[in-house]
Amino acid sequence: MRYLTFRDLQEKLGGRGRTTIYRDVELGRLPKPVKIGSRLYWAEADIDAAIAAHRQ
């Protein structure tokens, strides 16, 4: 399983801003990040699933 950093996530979402990404997390459009050490990461498979579900 591959984890995305915030910067990787921004790239994958086409350059979305920090506020927009966290708003999408709060609204359930994107999965919540997991904390590893002191940093937040998103599972790439979960992000891909959220993008696919939103496209339909």
PDB file of N, CA and C in Angstrom:
ATOM      1  N   MET A   1       0.835  -1.168   0.000  1.00  0.00           N
ATOM      2  CA  MET A   1       0.000   0.000   0.000  1.00  0.00           C
ATOM      3  C   MET A   1       0.891   1.246   0.000  1.00  0.00           C
ATOM      4  N   ARG A   2       0.549   2.168  -0.855  1.00  0.00           N
ATOM      5  CA  ARG A   2       1.333   3.396  -0.967  1.00  0.00           C
ATOM      6  C   ARG A   2       0.604   4.524  -0.245  1.00  0.00           C
ATOM      7  N   TYR A   3       1.349   5.314   0.485  1.00  0.00           N
ATOM      8  CA  TYR A   3       0.788   6.465   1.182  1.00  0.00           C
ATOM      9  C   TYR A   3       1.238   7.746   0.500  1.00  0.00           C
ATOM     10  N   LEU A   4       0.329   8.701   0.444  1.00  0.00           N
ATOM     11  CA  LEU A   4       0.605   9.983  -0.183  1.00  0.00           C
ATOM     12  C   LEU A   4       0.837  11.056   0.871  1.00  0.00           C
ATOM     13  N   THR A   5       1.837  11.888   0.639  1.00  0.00           N
ATOM     14  CA  THR A   5       2.022  13.049   1.491  1.00  0.00           C
ATOM     15  C   THR A   5       1.008  14.107   1.056  1.00  0.00           C
ATOM     16  N   PHE A   6       0.920  15.184   1.798  1.00  0.00           N
ATOM     17  CA  PHE A   6      -0.025  16.233   1.425  1.00  0.00           C
ATOM     18  C   PHE A   6       0.319  16.785   0.046  1.00  0.00           C
ATOM     19  N   ARG A   7       1.577  16.962  -0.213  1.00  0.00           N
ATOM     20  CA  ARG A   7       2.007  17.493  -1.518  1.00  0.00           C
ATOM     21  C   ARG A   7       1.640  16.528  -2.647  1.00  0.00           C
ATOM     22  N   ASP A   8       1.831  15.219  -2.428  1.00  0.00           N
ATOM     23  CA  ASP A   8       1.440  14.208  -3.418  1.00  0.00           C
ATOM     24  C   ASP A   8      -0.062  14.258  -3.669  1.00  0.00           C
ATOM     25  N   LEU A   9      -0.821  14.415  -2.582  1.00  0.00           N
ATOM     26  CA  LEU A   9      -2.272  14.484  -2.690  1.00  0.00           C
ATOM     27  C   LEU A   9      -2.695  15.710  -3.501  1.00  0.00           C
ATOM     28  N   GLN A  10      -2.068  16.846  -3.234  1.00  0.00           N
ATOM     29  CA  GLN A  10      -2.370  18.058  -4.002  1.00  0.00           C
ATOM     30  C   GLN A  10      -2.115  17.835  -5.489  1.00  0.00           C
ATOM     31  N   GLU A  11      -1.000  17.215  -5.817  1.00  0.00           N
ATOM     32  CA  GLU A  11      -0.668  16.927  -7.216  1.00  0.00           C
ATOM     33  C   GLU A  11      -1.717  16.029  -7.851  1.00  0.00           C
ATOM     34  N   LYS A  12      -2.102  14.985  -7.138  1.00  0.00           N
ATOM     35  CA  LYS A  12      -3.067  14.016  -7.659  1.00  0.00           C
ATOM     36  C   LYS A  12      -4.432  14.672  -7.887  1.00  0.00           C
ATOM     37  N   LEU A  13      -4.762  15.686  -7.089  1.00  0.00           N
ATOM     38  CA  LEU A  13      -6.045  16.364  -7.204  1.00  0.00           C
ATOM     39  C   LEU A  13      -5.968  17.620  -8.073  1.00  0.00           C
ATOM     40  N   GLY A  14      -4.905  17.760  -8.816  1.00  0.00           N
ATOM     41  CA  GLY A  14      -4.811  18.867  -9.765  1.00  0.00           C
ATOM     42  C   GLY A  14      -4.439  20.204  -9.157  1.00  0.00           C
ATOM     43  N   GLY A  15      -3.710  20.192  -8.064  1.00  0.00           N
ATOM     44  CA  GLY A  15      -3.243  21.448  -7.475  1.00  0.00           C
ATOM     45  C   GLY A  15      -4.236  22.104  -6.530  1.00  0.00           C
ATOM     46  N   ARG A  16      -5.151  21.338  -5.983  1.00  0.00           N
ATOM     47  CA  ARG A  16      -6.119  21.900  -5.027  1.00  0.00           C
ATOM     48  C   ARG A  16      -5.422  22.495  -3.821  1.00  0.00           C
ATOM     49  N   GLY A  17      -6.042  23.504  -3.253  1.00  0.00           N
ATOM     50  CA  GLY A  17      -5.483  24.173  -2.086  1.00  0.00           C
ATOM     51  C   GLY A  17      -5.722  23.409  -0.802  1.00  0.00           C
ATOM     52  N   ARG A  18      -4.971  23.764   0.210  1.00  0.00           N
ATOM     53  CA  ARG A  18      -5.041  23.111   1.518  1.00  0.00           C
ATOM     54  C   ARG A  18      -6.452  23.205   2.110  1.00  0.00           C
ATOM     55  N   THR A  19      -7.036  24.386   2.089  1.00  0.00           N
ATOM     56  CA  THR A  19      -8.361  24.576   2.677  1.00  0.00           C
ATOM     57  C   THR A  19      -9.404  23.718   1.970  1.00  0.00           C
ATOM     58  N   THR A  20      -9.342  23.663   0.655  1.00  0.00           N
ATOM     59  CA  THR A  20     -10.300  22.872  -0.126  1.00  0.00           C
ATOM     60  C   THR A  20     -10.165  21.394   0.189  1.00  0.00           C
ATOM     61  N   ILE A  21      -8.947  20.914   0.303  1.00  0.00           N
ATOM     62  CA  ILE A  21      -8.727  19.493   0.604  1.00  0.00           C
ATOM     63  C   ILE A  21      -9.291  19.155   1.981  1.00  0.00           C
ATOM     64  N   TYR A  22      -8.990  19.966   2.986  1.00  0.00           N
ATOM     65  CA  TYR A  22      -9.487  19.672   4.332  1.00  0.00           C
ATOM     66  C   TYR A  22     -10.998  19.847   4.419  1.00  0.00           C
ATOM     67  N   ARG A  23     -11.584  20.739   3.642  1.00  0.00           N
ATOM     68  CA  ARG A  23     -13.039  20.870   3.592  1.00  0.00           C
ATOM     69  C   ARG A  23     -13.643  19.590   3.016  1.00  0.00           C
ATOM     70  N   ASP A  24     -13.030  19.059   1.942  1.00  0.00           N
ATOM     71  CA  ASP A  24     -13.508  17.811   1.344  1.00  0.00           C
ATOM     72  C   ASP A  24     -13.405  16.641   2.326  1.00  0.00           C
ATOM     73  N   VAL A  25     -12.371  16.624   3.151  1.00  0.00           N
ATOM     74  CA  VAL A  25     -12.229  15.581   4.171  1.00  0.00           C
ATOM     75  C   VAL A  25     -13.366  15.713   5.186  1.00  0.00           C
ATOM     76  N   GLU A  26     -13.640  16.934   5.641  1.00  0.00           N
ATOM     77  CA  GLU A  26     -14.710  17.159   6.621  1.00  0.00           C
ATOM     78  C   GLU A  26     -16.087  16.791   6.072  1.00  0.00           C
ATOM     79  N   LEU A  27     -16.301  17.032   4.774  1.00  0.00           N
ATOM     80  CA  LEU A  27     -17.589  16.726   4.150  1.00  0.00           C
ATOM     81  C   LEU A  27     -17.707  15.268   3.713  1.00  0.00           C
ATOM     82  N   GLY A  28     -16.625  14.489   3.890  1.00  0.00           N
ATOM     83  CA  GLY A  28     -16.655  13.073   3.547  1.00  0.00           C
ATOM     84  C   GLY A  28     -16.373  12.777   2.086  1.00  0.00           C
ATOM     85  N   ARG A  29     -15.969  13.778   1.329  1.00  0.00           N
ATOM     86  CA  ARG A  29     -15.637  13.554  -0.085  1.00  0.00           C
ATOM     87  C   ARG A  29     -14.283  12.882  -0.247  1.00  0.00           C
ATOM     88  N   LEU A  30     -13.410  13.090   0.709  1.00  0.00           N
ATOM     89  CA  LEU A  30     -12.092  12.456   0.727  1.00  0.00           C
ATOM     90  C   LEU A  30     -11.940  11.731   2.059  1.00  0.00           C
ATOM     91  N   PRO A  31     -11.170  10.634   2.072  1.00  0.00           N
ATOM     92  CA  PRO A  31     -10.963   9.911   3.328  1.00  0.00           C
ATOM     93  C   PRO A  31     -10.092  10.713   4.290  1.00  0.00           C
ATOM     94  N   LYS A  32     -10.231  10.422   5.560  1.00  0.00           N
ATOM     95  CA  LYS A  32      -9.410  11.088   6.569  1.00  0.00           C
ATOM     96  C   LYS A  32      -7.981  10.556   6.472  1.00  0.00           C
ATOM     97  N   PRO A  33      -7.021  11.415   6.757  1.00  0.00           N
ATOM     98  CA  PRO A  33      -5.626  10.965   6.722  1.00  0.00           C
ATOM     99  C   PRO A  33      -5.295  10.112   7.947  1.00  0.00           C
ATOM    100  N   VAL A  34      -4.211   9.372   7.833  1.00  0.00           N
ATOM    101  CA  VAL A  34      -3.690   8.620   8.974  1.00  0.00           C
ATOM    102  C   VAL A  34      -2.415   9.313   9.438  1.00  0.00           C
ATOM    103  N   LYS A  35      -2.199   9.298  10.725  1.00  0.00           N
ATOM    104  CA  LYS A  35      -1.017   9.945  11.277  1.00  0.00           C
ATOM    105  C   LYS A  35       0.067   8.904  11.492  1.00  0.00           C
ATOM    106  N   ILE A  36       1.188   9.129  10.867  1.00  0.00           N
ATOM    107  CA  ILE A  36       2.351   8.251  11.033  1.00  0.00           C
ATOM    108  C   ILE A  36       3.477   9.132  11.548  1.00  0.00           C
ATOM    109  N   GLY A  37       3.874   8.872  12.780  1.00  0.00           N
ATOM    110  CA  GLY A  37       4.828   9.778  13.415  1.00  0.00           C
ATOM    111  C   GLY A  37       4.132  11.104  13.667  1.00  0.00           C
ATOM    112  N   SER A  38       4.697  12.180  13.167  1.00  0.00           N
ATOM    113  CA  SER A  38       4.092  13.496  13.352  1.00  0.00           C
ATOM    114  C   SER A  38       3.465  14.022  12.067  1.00  0.00           C
ATOM    115  N   ARG A  39       3.416  13.191  11.032  1.00  0.00           N
ATOM    116  CA  ARG A  39       2.907  13.643   9.736  1.00  0.00           C
ATOM    117  C   ARG A  39       1.629  12.913   9.356  1.00  0.00           C
ATOM    118  N   LEU A  40       0.872  13.549   8.462  1.00  0.00           N
ATOM    119  CA  LEU A  40      -0.368  12.970   7.957  1.00  0.00           C
ATOM    120  C   LEU A  40      -0.147  12.401   6.562  1.00  0.00           C
ATOM    121  N   TYR A  41      -0.751  11.237   6.312  1.00  0.00           N
ATOM    122  CA  TYR A  41      -0.650  10.578   5.017  1.00  0.00           C
ATOM    123  C   TYR A  41      -2.027  10.067   4.616  1.00  0.00           C
ATOM    124  N   TRP A  42      -2.236   9.943   3.321  1.00  0.00           N
ATOM    125  CA  TRP A  42      -3.478   9.381   2.782  1.00  0.00           C
ATOM    126  C   TRP A  42      -3.135   8.122   2.004  1.00  0.00           C
ATOM    127  N   ALA A  43      -3.921   7.067   2.182  1.00  0.00           N
ATOM    128  CA  ALA A  43      -3.713   5.826   1.434  1.00  0.00           C
ATOM    129  C   ALA A  43      -4.130   6.084  -0.019  1.00  0.00           C
ATOM    130  N   GLU A  44      -3.236   5.838  -0.946  1.00  0.00           N
ATOM    131  CA  GLU A  44      -3.496   6.131  -2.353  1.00  0.00           C
ATOM    132  C   GLU A  44      -4.715   5.367  -2.873  1.00  0.00           C
ATOM    133  N   ALA A  45      -4.894   4.123  -2.449  1.00  0.00           N
ATOM    134  CA  ALA A  45      -6.042   3.328  -2.903  1.00  0.00           C
ATOM    135  C   ALA A  45      -7.355   3.979  -2.458  1.00  0.00           C
ATOM    136  N   ASP A  46      -7.379   4.527  -1.235  1.00  0.00           N
ATOM    137  CA  ASP A  46      -8.590   5.199  -0.737  1.00  0.00           C
ATOM    138  C   ASP A  46      -8.875   6.470  -1.525  1.00  0.00           C
ATOM    139  N   ILE A  47      -7.831   7.204  -1.872  1.00  0.00           N
ATOM    140  CA  ILE A  47      -8.002   8.431  -2.662  1.00  0.00           C
ATOM    141  C   ILE A  47      -8.527   8.074  -4.055  1.00  0.00           C
ATOM    142  N   ASP A  48      -7.938   7.039  -4.662  1.00  0.00           N
ATOM    143  CA  ASP A  48      -8.392   6.612  -5.997  1.00  0.00           C
ATOM    144  C   ASP A  48      -9.868   6.196  -5.959  1.00  0.00           C
ATOM    145  N   ALA A  49     -10.273   5.497  -4.900  1.00  0.00           N
ATOM    146  CA  ALA A  49     -11.668   5.081  -4.766  1.00  0.00           C
ATOM    147  C   ALA A  49     -12.589   6.284  -4.601  1.00  0.00           C
ATOM    148  N   ALA A  50     -12.163   7.282  -3.839  1.00  0.00           N
ATOM    149  CA  ALA A  50     -12.972   8.481  -3.634  1.00  0.00           C
ATOM    150  C   ALA A  50     -13.118   9.267  -4.933  1.00  0.00           C
ATOM    151  N   ILE A  51     -12.056   9.338  -5.717  1.00  0.00           N
ATOM    152  CA  ILE A  51     -12.104  10.037  -7.016  1.00  0.00           C
ATOM    153  C   ILE A  51     -13.046   9.300  -7.960  1.00  0.00           C
ATOM    154  N   ALA A  52     -12.940   7.973  -7.998  1.00  0.00           N
ATOM    155  CA  ALA A  52     -13.807   7.179  -8.880  1.00  0.00           C
ATOM    156  C   ALA A  52     -15.270   7.306  -8.482  1.00  0.00           C
ATOM    157  N   ALA A  53     -15.560   7.310  -7.183  1.00  0.00           N
ATOM    158  CA  ALA A  53     -16.941   7.419  -6.711  1.00  0.00           C
ATOM    159  C   ALA A  53     -17.515   8.784  -7.024  1.00  0.00           C
ATOM    160  N   HIS A  54     -16.682   9.799  -6.975  1.00  0.00           N
ATOM    161  CA  HIS A  54     -17.158  11.168  -7.246  1.00  0.00           C
ATOM    162  C   HIS A  54     -17.439  11.389  -8.728  1.00  0.00           C
ATOM    163  N   ARG A  55     -16.745  10.655  -9.584  1.00  0.00           N
ATOM    164  CA  ARG A  55     -16.927  10.802 -11.034  1.00  0.00           C
ATOM    165  C   ARG A  55     -18.242  10.219 -11.511  1.00  0.00           C
ATOM    166  N   GLN A  56     -18.779   9.270 -10.767  1.00  0.00           N
ATOM    167  CA  GLN A  56     -20.012   8.596 -11.202  1.00  0.00           C
ATOM    168  C   GLN A  56     -21.234   9.390 -10.914  1.00  0.00           C
TER     169      GLN A  56
END
